[in-house]
Amino acid sequence: MPGPTELVILLVLAVFLFGPKRLPEIGSAVGKGIRGFKDAQREPEEDQDEKRKQDEADRDKAAREKTVSGS
Protein backbone atom coordinates (compact mmCIF):
# COMPACT_ATOMS: atom_id res chain seq x y z
CA MET A 1 0.00 0.00 0.00
CA PRO A 2 1.43 3.38 -0.95
CA GLY A 3 2.54 5.68 1.82
CA PRO A 4 1.55 9.32 2.31
CA THR A 5 4.42 10.61 0.17
CA GLU A 6 3.40 8.46 -2.80
CA LEU A 7 -0.23 9.53 -2.46
CA VAL A 8 0.74 13.22 -2.50
CA ILE A 9 2.89 12.67 -5.59
CA LEU A 10 0.01 10.89 -7.35
CA LEU A 11 -2.41 13.68 -6.42
CA VAL A 12 -0.03 16.35 -7.76
CA LEU A 13 0.42 14.39 -11.00
CA ALA A 14 -3.36 14.00 -11.36
CA VAL A 15 -3.84 17.75 -10.94
CA PHE A 16 -1.22 18.44 -13.60
CA LEU A 17 -2.62 15.86 -16.02
CA PHE A 18 -6.35 16.50 -15.67
CA GLY A 19 -6.64 19.91 -14.05
CA PRO A 20 -8.46 20.75 -10.84
CA LYS A 21 -11.83 21.15 -12.57
CA ARG A 22 -11.91 17.61 -13.99
CA LEU A 23 -10.73 15.79 -10.83
CA PRO A 24 -14.22 15.59 -9.24
CA GLU A 25 -15.62 14.15 -12.48
CA ILE A 26 -12.86 11.56 -12.66
CA GLY A 27 -13.24 10.67 -8.97
CA SER A 28 -16.97 10.21 -9.43
CA ALA A 29 -16.47 7.99 -12.47
CA VAL A 30 -13.90 5.86 -10.65
CA GLY A 31 -16.22 5.52 -7.65
CA LYS A 32 -19.12 4.43 -9.85
CA GLY A 33 -16.87 1.91 -11.57
CA ILE A 34 -15.72 0.42 -8.28
CA ARG A 35 -19.31 0.27 -6.99
CA GLY A 36 -20.43 -1.47 -10.19
CA PHE A 37 -17.61 -3.98 -9.89
CA LYS A 38 -18.52 -4.80 -6.28
CA ASP A 39 -22.20 -5.16 -7.21
CA ALA A 40 -21.27 -7.52 -10.03
CA GLN A 41 -19.27 -9.62 -7.58
CA ARG A 42 -22.24 -9.87 -5.20
CA GLU A 43 -24.71 -10.98 -7.89
CA PRO A 44 -23.35 -14.53 -8.27
CA GLU A 45 -23.55 -15.03 -4.49
CA GLU A 46 -27.17 -13.84 -4.46
CA ASP A 47 -27.98 -16.06 -7.44
CA GLN A 48 -26.46 -19.07 -5.65
CA ASP A 49 -28.49 -18.32 -2.51
CA GLU A 50 -31.71 -18.11 -4.54
CA LYS A 51 -30.89 -21.34 -6.40
CA ARG A 52 -30.13 -23.14 -3.12
CA LYS A 53 -33.41 -21.95 -1.58
CA GLN A 54 -35.33 -23.05 -4.68
CA ASP A 55 -33.64 -26.47 -4.62
CA GLU A 56 -34.53 -26.91 -0.94
CA ALA A 57 -38.14 -25.93 -1.65
CA ASP A 58 -38.29 -28.41 -4.55
CA ARG A 59 -36.88 -31.21 -2.35
CA ASP A 60 -39.36 -30.41 0.43
CA LYS A 61 -42.24 -30.42 -2.05
CA ALA A 62 -41.10 -33.75 -3.52
CA ALA A 63 -40.80 -35.24 -0.04
CA ARG A 64 -44.31 -34.07 0.88
CA GLU A 65 -45.74 -35.50 -2.35
CA LYS A 66 -43.96 -38.79 -1.75
CA THR A 67 -45.31 -38.94 1.81
CA VAL A 68 -48.86 -38.13 0.69
CA SER A 69 -48.81 -40.65 -2.18
CA GLY A 70 -47.14 -43.29 0.01
CA SER A 71 -49.90 -43.16 2.66
PDB file of N, CA and C in Angstrom:
ATOM      1  N   MET A   1       0.854  -1.174   0.000  1.00  0.00           N
ATOM      2  CA  MET A   1       0.000   0.000   0.000  1.00  0.00           C
ATOM      3  C   MET A   1       0.895   1.230   0.000  1.00  0.00           C
ATOM      4  N   PRO A   2       0.578   2.193  -0.861  1.00  0.00           N
ATOM      5  CA  PRO A   2       1.427   3.383  -0.946  1.00  0.00           C
ATOM      6  C   PRO A   2       1.348   4.216   0.332  1.00  0.00           C
ATOM      7  N   GLY A   3       2.471   4.821   0.648  1.00  0.00           N
ATOM      8  CA  GLY A   3       2.540   5.683   1.819  1.00  0.00           C
ATOM      9  C   GLY A   3       2.030   7.077   1.507  1.00  0.00           C
ATOM     10  N   PRO A   4       2.064   7.964   2.504  1.00  0.00           N
ATOM     11  CA  PRO A   4       1.552   9.323   2.312  1.00  0.00           C
ATOM     12  C   PRO A   4       2.315  10.101   1.241  1.00  0.00           C
ATOM     13  N   THR A   5       3.620   9.894   1.163  1.00  0.00           N
ATOM     14  CA  THR A   5       4.417  10.614   0.166  1.00  0.00           C
ATOM     15  C   THR A   5       3.993  10.223  -1.245  1.00  0.00           C
ATOM     16  N   GLU A   6       3.811   8.928  -1.473  1.00  0.00           N
ATOM     17  CA  GLU A   6       3.404   8.461  -2.796  1.00  0.00           C
ATOM     18  C   GLU A   6       2.019   8.985  -3.165  1.00  0.00           C
ATOM     19  N   LEU A   7       1.117   9.030  -2.186  1.00  0.00           N
ATOM     20  CA  LEU A   7      -0.230   9.535  -2.462  1.00  0.00           C
ATOM     21  C   LEU A   7      -0.207  11.015  -2.843  1.00  0.00           C
ATOM     22  N   VAL A   8       0.624  11.793  -2.168  1.00  0.00           N
ATOM     23  CA  VAL A   8       0.740  13.220  -2.496  1.00  0.00           C
ATOM     24  C   VAL A   8       1.297  13.386  -3.904  1.00  0.00           C
ATOM     25  N   ILE A   9       2.302  12.597  -4.246  1.00  0.00           N
ATOM     26  CA  ILE A   9       2.890  12.673  -5.591  1.00  0.00           C
ATOM     27  C   ILE A   9       1.837  12.327  -6.643  1.00  0.00           C
ATOM     28  N   LEU A  10       1.058  11.277  -6.399  1.00  0.00           N
ATOM     29  CA  LEU A  10       0.009  10.894  -7.349  1.00  0.00           C
ATOM     30  C   LEU A  10      -1.053  11.980  -7.480  1.00  0.00           C
ATOM     31  N   LEU A  11      -1.415  12.604  -6.376  1.00  0.00           N
ATOM     32  CA  LEU A  11      -2.406  13.680  -6.418  1.00  0.00           C
ATOM     33  C   LEU A  11      -1.894  14.866  -7.221  1.00  0.00           C
ATOM     34  N   VAL A  12      -0.628  15.237  -7.014  1.00  0.00           N
ATOM     35  CA  VAL A  12      -0.035  16.351  -7.763  1.00  0.00           C
ATOM     36  C   VAL A  12       0.003  16.019  -9.254  1.00  0.00           C
ATOM     37  N   LEU A  13       0.395  14.799  -9.593  1.00  0.00           N
ATOM     38  CA  LEU A  13       0.419  14.390 -11.001  1.00  0.00           C
ATOM     39  C   LEU A  13      -0.987  14.428 -11.607  1.00  0.00           C
ATOM     40  N   ALA A  14      -1.981  13.981 -10.852  1.00  0.00           N
ATOM     41  CA  ALA A  14      -3.356  13.999 -11.358  1.00  0.00           C
ATOM     42  C   ALA A  14      -3.820  15.427 -11.623  1.00  0.00           C
ATOM     43  N   VAL A  15      -3.461  16.352 -10.735  1.00  0.00           N
ATOM     44  CA  VAL A  15      -3.844  17.753 -10.935  1.00  0.00           C
ATOM     45  C   VAL A  15      -3.184  18.298 -12.192  1.00  0.00           C
ATOM     46  N   PHE A  16      -1.912  17.963 -12.398  1.00  0.00           N
ATOM     47  CA  PHE A  16      -1.220  18.441 -13.600  1.00  0.00           C
ATOM     48  C   PHE A  16      -1.805  17.823 -14.868  1.00  0.00           C
ATOM     49  N   LEU A  17      -2.127  16.549 -14.823  1.00  0.00           N
ATOM     50  CA  LEU A  17      -2.621  15.865 -16.019  1.00  0.00           C
ATOM     51  C   LEU A  17      -4.052  16.269 -16.376  1.00  0.00           C
ATOM     52  N   PHE A  18      -4.936  16.305 -15.393  1.00  0.00           N
ATOM     53  CA  PHE A  18      -6.353  16.498 -15.674  1.00  0.00           C
ATOM     54  C   PHE A  18      -6.871  17.885 -15.316  1.00  0.00           C
ATOM     55  N   GLY A  19      -6.177  18.592 -14.480  1.00  0.00           N
ATOM     56  CA  GLY A  19      -6.640  19.911 -14.049  1.00  0.00           C
ATOM     57  C   GLY A  19      -7.586  19.795 -12.871  1.00  0.00           C
ATOM     58  N   PRO A  20      -7.627  20.816 -12.051  1.00  0.00           N
ATOM     59  CA  PRO A  20      -8.455  20.746 -10.840  1.00  0.00           C
ATOM     60  C   PRO A  20      -9.957  20.689 -11.122  1.00  0.00           C
ATOM     61  N   LYS A  21     -10.392  21.164 -12.271  1.00  0.00           N
ATOM     62  CA  LYS A  21     -11.826  21.153 -12.575  1.00  0.00           C
ATOM     63  C   LYS A  21     -12.328  19.762 -12.947  1.00  0.00           C
ATOM     64  N   ARG A  22     -11.470  18.937 -13.543  1.00  0.00           N
ATOM     65  CA  ARG A  22     -11.909  17.607 -13.987  1.00  0.00           C
ATOM     66  C   ARG A  22     -11.736  16.538 -12.919  1.00  0.00           C
ATOM     67  N   LEU A  23     -10.970  16.808 -11.854  1.00  0.00           N
ATOM     68  CA  LEU A  23     -10.729  15.787 -10.834  1.00  0.00           C
ATOM     69  C   LEU A  23     -12.018  15.276 -10.177  1.00  0.00           C
ATOM     70  N   PRO A  24     -12.975  16.134  -9.819  1.00  0.00           N
ATOM     71  CA  PRO A  24     -14.218  15.589  -9.241  1.00  0.00           C
ATOM     72  C   PRO A  24     -14.969  14.663 -10.203  1.00  0.00           C
ATOM     73  N   GLU A  25     -14.971  15.007 -11.485  1.00  0.00           N
ATOM     74  CA  GLU A  25     -15.623  14.147 -12.484  1.00  0.00           C
ATOM     75  C   GLU A  25     -14.942  12.785 -12.546  1.00  0.00           C
ATOM     76  N   ILE A  26     -13.623  12.809 -12.568  1.00  0.00           N
ATOM     77  CA  ILE A  26     -12.858  11.562 -12.659  1.00  0.00           C
ATOM     78  C   ILE A  26     -13.058  10.734 -11.396  1.00  0.00           C
ATOM     79  N   GLY A  27     -13.021  11.388 -10.231  1.00  0.00           N
ATOM     80  CA  GLY A  27     -13.244  10.675  -8.974  1.00  0.00           C
ATOM     81  C   GLY A  27     -14.616  10.033  -8.922  1.00  0.00           C
ATOM     82  N   SER A  28     -15.612  10.741  -9.398  1.00  0.00           N
ATOM     83  CA  SER A  28     -16.968  10.206  -9.426  1.00  0.00           C
ATOM     84  C   SER A  28     -17.057   8.997 -10.353  1.00  0.00           C
ATOM     85  N   ALA A  29     -16.445   9.099 -11.511  1.00  0.00           N
ATOM     86  CA  ALA A  29     -16.471   7.988 -12.470  1.00  0.00           C
ATOM     87  C   ALA A  29     -15.758   6.762 -11.907  1.00  0.00           C
ATOM     88  N   VAL A  30     -14.631   6.985 -11.246  1.00  0.00           N
ATOM     89  CA  VAL A  30     -13.896   5.863 -10.650  1.00  0.00           C
ATOM     90  C   VAL A  30     -14.737   5.225  -9.543  1.00  0.00           C
ATOM     91  N   GLY A  31     -15.364   6.048  -8.719  1.00  0.00           N
ATOM     92  CA  GLY A  31     -16.216   5.522  -7.648  1.00  0.00           C
ATOM     93  C   GLY A  31     -17.373   4.699  -8.178  1.00  0.00           C
ATOM     94  N   LYS A  32     -18.018   5.175  -9.243  1.00  0.00           N
ATOM     95  CA  LYS A  32     -19.120   4.429  -9.851  1.00  0.00           C
ATOM     96  C   LYS A  32     -18.623   3.105 -10.426  1.00  0.00           C
ATOM     97  N   GLY A  33     -17.438   3.133 -11.021  1.00  0.00           N
ATOM     98  CA  GLY A  33     -16.874   1.906 -11.572  1.00  0.00           C
ATOM     99  C   GLY A  33     -16.583   0.878 -10.496  1.00  0.00           C
ATOM    100  N   ILE A  34     -16.019   1.325  -9.389  1.00  0.00           N
ATOM    101  CA  ILE A  34     -15.720   0.416  -8.281  1.00  0.00           C
ATOM    102  C   ILE A  34     -17.013  -0.142  -7.698  1.00  0.00           C
ATOM    103  N   ARG A  35     -18.018   0.709  -7.526  1.00  0.00           N
ATOM    104  CA  ARG A  35     -19.309   0.267  -6.994  1.00  0.00           C
ATOM    105  C   ARG A  35     -19.939  -0.766  -7.924  1.00  0.00           C
ATOM    106  N   GLY A  36     -19.884  -0.520  -9.230  1.00  0.00           N
ATOM    107  CA  GLY A  36     -20.431  -1.474 -10.191  1.00  0.00           C
ATOM    108  C   GLY A  36     -19.712  -2.806 -10.147  1.00  0.00           C
ATOM    109  N   PHE A  37     -18.401  -2.757  -9.978  1.00  0.00           N
ATOM    110  CA  PHE A  37     -17.608  -3.981  -9.892  1.00  0.00           C
ATOM    111  C   PHE A  37     -17.998  -4.779  -8.650  1.00  0.00           C
ATOM    112  N   LYS A  38     -18.147  -4.106  -7.519  1.00  0.00           N
ATOM    113  CA  LYS A  38     -18.524  -4.798  -6.283  1.00  0.00           C
ATOM    114  C   LYS A  38     -19.925  -5.390  -6.399  1.00  0.00           C
ATOM    115  N   ASP A  39     -20.846  -4.649  -7.018  1.00  0.00           N
ATOM    116  CA  ASP A  39     -22.201  -5.162  -7.213  1.00  0.00           C
ATOM    117  C   ASP A  39     -22.190  -6.400  -8.101  1.00  0.00           C
ATOM    118  N   ALA A  40     -21.361  -6.375  -9.126  1.00  0.00           N
ATOM    119  CA  ALA A  40     -21.267  -7.524 -10.029  1.00  0.00           C
ATOM    120  C   ALA A  40     -20.694  -8.735  -9.303  1.00  0.00           C
ATOM    121  N   GLN A  41     -19.816  -8.513  -8.349  1.00  0.00           N
ATOM    122  CA  GLN A  41     -19.266  -9.625  -7.579  1.00  0.00           C
ATOM    123  C   GLN A  41     -20.317 -10.217  -6.652  1.00  0.00           C
ATOM    124  N   ARG A  42     -21.212  -9.389  -6.122  1.00  0.00           N
ATOM    125  CA  ARG A  42     -22.242  -9.867  -5.197  1.00  0.00           C
ATOM    126  C   ARG A  42     -23.340 -10.640  -5.912  1.00  0.00           C
ATOM    127  N   GLU A  43     -23.616 -10.339  -7.164  1.00  0.00           N
ATOM    128  CA  GLU A  43     -24.711 -10.984  -7.895  1.00  0.00           C
ATOM    129  C   GLU A  43     -24.591 -12.503  -7.934  1.00  0.00           C
ATOM    130  N   PRO A  44     -23.430 -13.064  -8.251  1.00  0.00           N
ATOM    131  CA  PRO A  44     -23.349 -14.530  -8.271  1.00  0.00           C
ATOM    132  C   PRO A  44     -23.666 -15.151  -6.909  1.00  0.00           C
ATOM    133  N   GLU A  45     -23.247 -14.506  -5.814  1.00  0.00           N
ATOM    134  CA  GLU A  45     -23.553 -15.027  -4.486  1.00  0.00           C
ATOM    135  C   GLU A  45     -25.054 -15.020  -4.249  1.00  0.00           C
ATOM    136  N   GLU A  46     -25.723 -13.931  -4.636  1.00  0.00           N
ATOM    137  CA  GLU A  46     -27.168 -13.841  -4.459  1.00  0.00           C
ATOM    138  C   GLU A  46     -27.880 -14.869  -5.328  1.00  0.00           C
ATOM    139  N   ASP A  47     -27.384 -15.068  -6.554  1.00  0.00           N
ATOM    140  CA  ASP A  47     -27.984 -16.064  -7.443  1.00  0.00           C
ATOM    141  C   ASP A  47     -27.840 -17.462  -6.849  1.00  0.00           C
ATOM    142  N   GLN A  48     -26.681 -17.759  -6.258  1.00  0.00           N
ATOM    143  CA  GLN A  48     -26.461 -19.068  -5.651  1.00  0.00           C
ATOM    144  C   GLN A  48     -27.392 -19.268  -4.462  1.00  0.00           C
ATOM    145  N   ASP A  49     -27.580 -18.224  -3.655  1.00  0.00           N
ATOM    146  CA  ASP A  49     -28.486 -18.324  -2.514  1.00  0.00           C
ATOM    147  C   ASP A  49     -29.910 -18.601  -2.980  1.00  0.00           C
ATOM    148  N   GLU A  50     -30.358 -17.891  -4.016  1.00  0.00           N
ATOM    149  CA  GLU A  50     -31.705 -18.106  -4.539  1.00  0.00           C
ATOM    150  C   GLU A  50     -31.855 -19.514  -5.103  1.00  0.00           C
ATOM    151  N   LYS A  51     -30.840 -19.998  -5.816  1.00  0.00           N
ATOM    152  CA  LYS A  51     -30.892 -21.336  -6.395  1.00  0.00           C
ATOM    153  C   LYS A  51     -30.944 -22.387  -5.287  1.00  0.00           C
ATOM    154  N   ARG A  52     -30.140 -22.193  -4.236  1.00  0.00           N
ATOM    155  CA  ARG A  52     -30.126 -23.138  -3.124  1.00  0.00           C
ATOM    156  C   ARG A  52     -31.491 -23.171  -2.433  1.00  0.00           C
ATOM    157  N   LYS A  53     -32.092 -22.006  -2.212  1.00  0.00           N
ATOM    158  CA  LYS A  53     -33.412 -21.954  -1.578  1.00  0.00           C
ATOM    159  C   LYS A  53     -34.460 -22.633  -2.449  1.00  0.00           C
ATOM    160  N   GLN A  54     -34.378 -22.420  -3.760  1.00  0.00           N
ATOM    161  CA  GLN A  54     -35.329 -23.048  -4.676  1.00  0.00           C
ATOM    162  C   GLN A  54     -35.148 -24.561  -4.675  1.00  0.00           C
ATOM    163  N   ASP A  55     -33.896 -25.036  -4.668  1.00  0.00           N
ATOM    164  CA  ASP A  55     -33.635 -26.474  -4.625  1.00  0.00           C
ATOM    165  C   ASP A  55     -34.191 -27.094  -3.344  1.00  0.00           C
ATOM    166  N   GLU A  56     -34.005 -26.407  -2.209  1.00  0.00           N
ATOM    167  CA  GLU A  56     -34.532 -26.908  -0.941  1.00  0.00           C
ATOM    168  C   GLU A  56     -36.056 -26.972  -0.983  1.00  0.00           C
ATOM    169  N   ALA A  57     -36.680 -25.947  -1.549  1.00  0.00           N
ATOM    170  CA  ALA A  57     -38.138 -25.930  -1.651  1.00  0.00           C
ATOM    171  C   ALA A  57     -38.620 -27.069  -2.545  1.00  0.00           C
ATOM    172  N   ASP A  58     -37.917 -27.321  -3.646  1.00  0.00           N
ATOM    173  CA  ASP A  58     -38.295 -28.415  -4.546  1.00  0.00           C
ATOM    174  C   ASP A  58     -38.163 -29.763  -3.843  1.00  0.00           C
ATOM    175  N   ARG A  59     -37.076 -29.949  -3.075  1.00  0.00           N
ATOM    176  CA  ARG A  59     -36.884 -31.208  -2.347  1.00  0.00           C
ATOM    177  C   ARG A  59     -37.977 -31.392  -1.293  1.00  0.00           C
ATOM    178  N   ASP A  60     -38.304 -30.318  -0.578  1.00  0.00           N
ATOM    179  CA  ASP A  60     -39.363 -30.407   0.431  1.00  0.00           C
ATOM    180  C   ASP A  60     -40.695 -30.763  -0.214  1.00  0.00           C
ATOM    181  N   LYS A  61     -40.984 -30.151  -1.344  1.00  0.00           N
ATOM    182  CA  LYS A  61     -42.241 -30.422  -2.051  1.00  0.00           C
ATOM    183  C   LYS A  61     -42.278 -31.875  -2.512  1.00  0.00           C
ATOM    184  N   ALA A  62     -41.158 -32.362  -3.059  1.00  0.00           N
ATOM    185  CA  ALA A  62     -41.098 -33.748  -3.521  1.00  0.00           C
ATOM    186  C   ALA A  62     -41.262 -34.710  -2.346  1.00  0.00           C
ATOM    187  N   ALA A  63     -40.671 -34.381  -1.209  1.00  0.00           N
ATOM    188  CA  ALA A  63     -40.796 -35.244  -0.036  1.00  0.00           C
ATOM    189  C   ALA A  63     -42.235 -35.265   0.463  1.00  0.00           C
ATOM    190  N   ARG A  64     -42.905 -34.119   0.453  1.00  0.00           N
ATOM    191  CA  ARG A  64     -44.310 -34.075   0.879  1.00  0.00           C
ATOM    192  C   ARG A  64     -45.191 -34.881  -0.070  1.00  0.00           C
ATOM    193  N   GLU A  65     -44.949 -34.753  -1.371  1.00  0.00           N
ATOM    194  CA  GLU A  65     -45.744 -35.500  -2.349  1.00  0.00           C
ATOM    195  C   GLU A  65     -45.521 -37.000  -2.199  1.00  0.00           C
ATOM    196  N   LYS A  66     -44.278 -37.380  -1.921  1.00  0.00           N
ATOM    197  CA  LYS A  66     -43.962 -38.792  -1.746  1.00  0.00           C
ATOM    198  C   LYS A  66     -44.653 -39.324  -0.494  1.00  0.00           C
ATOM    199  N   THR A  67     -44.666 -38.530   0.574  1.00  0.00           N
ATOM    200  CA  THR A  67     -45.313 -38.943   1.812  1.00  0.00           C
ATOM    201  C   THR A  67     -46.818 -39.070   1.621  1.00  0.00           C
ATOM    202  N   VAL A  68     -47.418 -38.111   0.919  1.00  0.00           N
ATOM    203  CA  VAL A  68     -48.863 -38.135   0.688  1.00  0.00           C
ATOM    204  C   VAL A  68     -49.238 -39.309  -0.207  1.00  0.00           C
ATOM    205  N   SER A  69     -48.481 -39.559  -1.262  1.00  0.00           N
ATOM    206  CA  SER A  69     -48.814 -40.648  -2.181  1.00  0.00           C
ATOM    207  C   SER A  69     -48.474 -42.004  -1.573  1.00  0.00           C
ATOM    208  N   GLY A  70     -47.530 -42.035  -0.630  1.00  0.00           N
ATOM    209  CA  GLY A  70     -47.144 -43.293   0.007  1.00  0.00           C
ATOM    210  C   GLY A  70     -48.113 -43.720   1.088  1.00  0.00           C
ATOM    211  N   SER A  71     -48.975 -42.832   1.564  1.00  0.00           N
ATOM    212  CA  SER A  71     -49.903 -43.162   2.655  1.00  0.00           C
ATOM    213  C   SER A  71     -51.041 -44.008   2.217  1.00  0.00           C
TER     214      SER A  71
END
